Amino acid sequence: MSINAIRIVIVSIILLTLVISLTPPSPVTSPKSRRKSRDIIVRGCNNNCSVACCYCNIQRSPPVCERCCG
């Protein structure tokens, strides 16, 4: 096997691993979970951060970001 072929195999394995890790798992649905799925739950912080929120105060309603990352 040539070095180029080995490189292609390694890159292919890395790309395949990346694609598999980014694919969300398929949910398992049951009659109970179907009934629950009608309820909408909003999660997350209201923030004006340019990158991400590092401290979300979930005691407030709606949750508010109190410290931005970066």
C-alpha atoms as a PDB file:
ATOM      1  CA  MET A   1       0.000   0.000   0.000  1.00  0.00           C
ATOM      2  CA  SER A   2       1.391   3.397  -0.930  1.00  0.00           C
ATOM      3  CA  ILE A   3       1.681   6.343   1.440  1.00  0.00           C
ATOM      4  CA  ASN A   4      -1.000   8.246  -0.500  1.00  0.00           C
ATOM      5  CA  ALA A   5      -3.436   5.360  -0.123  1.00  0.00           C
ATOM      6  CA  ILE A   6      -2.764   5.225   3.626  1.00  0.00           C
ATOM      7  CA  ARG A   7      -3.356   8.983   3.883  1.00  0.00           C
ATOM      8  CA  ILE A   8      -6.658   8.662   2.017  1.00  0.00           C
ATOM      9  CA  VAL A   9      -7.807   5.882   4.358  1.00  0.00           C
ATOM     10  CA  ILE A  10      -6.870   7.880   7.464  1.00  0.00           C
ATOM     11  CA  VAL A  11      -8.627  11.042   6.228  1.00  0.00           C
ATOM     12  CA  SER A  12     -11.695   8.995   5.279  1.00  0.00           C
ATOM     13  CA  ILE A  13     -11.866   7.465   8.758  1.00  0.00           C
ATOM     14  CA  ILE A  14     -11.532  10.889  10.393  1.00  0.00           C
ATOM     15  CA  LEU A  15     -14.265  12.391   8.197  1.00  0.00           C
ATOM     16  CA  LEU A  16     -16.590   9.451   8.788  1.00  0.00           C
ATOM     17  CA  THR A  17     -16.065   9.721  12.554  1.00  0.00           C
ATOM     18  CA  LEU A  18     -16.820  13.447  12.411  1.00  0.00           C
ATOM     19  CA  VAL A  19     -20.032  12.931  10.415  1.00  0.00           C
ATOM     20  CA  ILE A  20     -21.224  10.198  12.781  1.00  0.00           C
ATOM     21  CA  SER A  21     -20.494  12.309  15.869  1.00  0.00           C
ATOM     22  CA  LEU A  22     -22.425  15.290  14.455  1.00  0.00           C
ATOM     23  CA  THR A  23     -25.502  13.251  13.558  1.00  0.00           C
ATOM     24  CA  PRO A  24     -28.162  13.619  16.267  1.00  0.00           C
ATOM     25  CA  PRO A  25     -29.567  10.399  17.707  1.00  0.00           C
ATOM     26  CA  SER A  26     -32.999   9.415  16.524  1.00  0.00           C
ATOM     27  CA  PRO A  27     -35.562   9.710  19.315  1.00  0.00           C
ATOM     28  CA  VAL A  28     -37.418   6.658  20.491  1.00  0.00           C
ATOM     29  CA  THR A  29     -41.092   7.491  20.614  1.00  0.00           C
ATOM     30  CA  SER A  30     -43.697   5.843  22.771  1.00  0.00           C
ATOM     31  CA  PRO A  31     -47.335   6.806  23.274  1.00  0.00           C
ATOM     32  CA  LYS A  32     -46.422   8.631  26.513  1.00  0.00           C
ATOM     33  CA  SER A  33     -43.631  10.624  24.882  1.00  0.00           C
ATOM     34  CA  ARG A  34     -45.933  11.553  22.003  1.00  0.00           C
ATOM     35  CA  ARG A  35     -48.383  13.081  24.485  1.00  0.00           C
ATOM     36  CA  LYS A  36     -45.595  14.969  26.226  1.00  0.00           C
ATOM     37  CA  SER A  37     -44.218  16.315  22.953  1.00  0.00           C
ATOM     38  CA  ARG A  38     -47.234  18.610  22.605  1.00  0.00           C
ATOM     39  CA  ASP A  39     -45.895  20.698  25.499  1.00  0.00           C
ATOM     40  CA  ILE A  40     -43.379  23.320  24.449  1.00  0.00           C
ATOM     41  CA  ILE A  41     -40.471  23.907  26.796  1.00  0.00           C
ATOM     42  CA  VAL A  42     -38.235  26.890  26.118  1.00  0.00           C
ATOM     43  CA  ARG A  43     -34.701  26.446  27.371  1.00  0.00           C
ATOM     44  CA  GLY A  44     -31.778  28.778  27.099  1.00  0.00           C
ATOM     45  CA  CYS A  45     -30.699  32.236  28.115  1.00  0.00           C
ATOM     46  CA  ASN A  46     -31.756  35.553  26.744  1.00  0.00           C
ATOM     47  CA  ASN A  47     -28.446  37.254  26.096  1.00  0.00           C
ATOM     48  CA  ASN A  48     -26.615  39.776  23.996  1.00  0.00           C
ATOM     49  CA  CYS A  49     -23.305  37.901  24.081  1.00  0.00           C
ATOM     50  CA  SER A  50     -21.203  37.928  20.947  1.00  0.00           C
ATOM     51  CA  VAL A  51     -19.809  34.428  21.604  1.00  0.00           C
ATOM     52  CA  ALA A  52     -21.674  32.450  24.279  1.00  0.00           C
ATOM     53  CA  CYS A  53     -23.134  32.742  27.738  1.00  0.00           C
ATOM     54  CA  CYS A  54     -20.909  31.430  30.559  1.00  0.00           C
ATOM     55  CA  TYR A  55     -23.361  31.993  33.419  1.00  0.00           C
ATOM     56  CA  CYS A  56     -27.091  31.672  32.889  1.00  0.00           C
ATOM     57  CA  ASN A  57     -29.368  32.640  35.772  1.00  0.00           C
ATOM     58  CA  ILE A  58     -32.150  30.075  35.500  1.00  0.00           C
ATOM     59  CA  GLN A  59     -33.828  31.354  38.668  1.00  0.00           C
ATOM     60  CA  ARG A  60     -35.211  34.273  36.661  1.00  0.00           C
ATOM     61  CA  SER A  61     -38.033  33.922  34.186  1.00  0.00           C
ATOM     62  CA  PRO A  62     -37.113  33.933  31.380  1.00  0.00           C
ATOM     63  CA  PRO A  63     -33.541  32.767  32.078  1.00  0.00           C
ATOM     64  CA  VAL A  64     -31.020  35.602  31.638  1.00  0.00           C
ATOM     65  CA  CYS A  65     -27.319  35.484  30.891  1.00  0.00           C
ATOM     66  CA  GLU A  66     -25.378  37.235  33.648  1.00  0.00           C
ATOM     67  CA  ARG A  67     -21.851  36.672  32.311  1.00  0.00           C
ATOM     68  CA  CYS A  68     -20.662  36.300  28.710  1.00  0.00           C
ATOM     69  CA  CYS A  69     -17.712  34.104  27.724  1.00  0.00           C
ATOM     70  CA  GLY A  70     -14.557  35.585  26.284  1.00  0.00           C
END
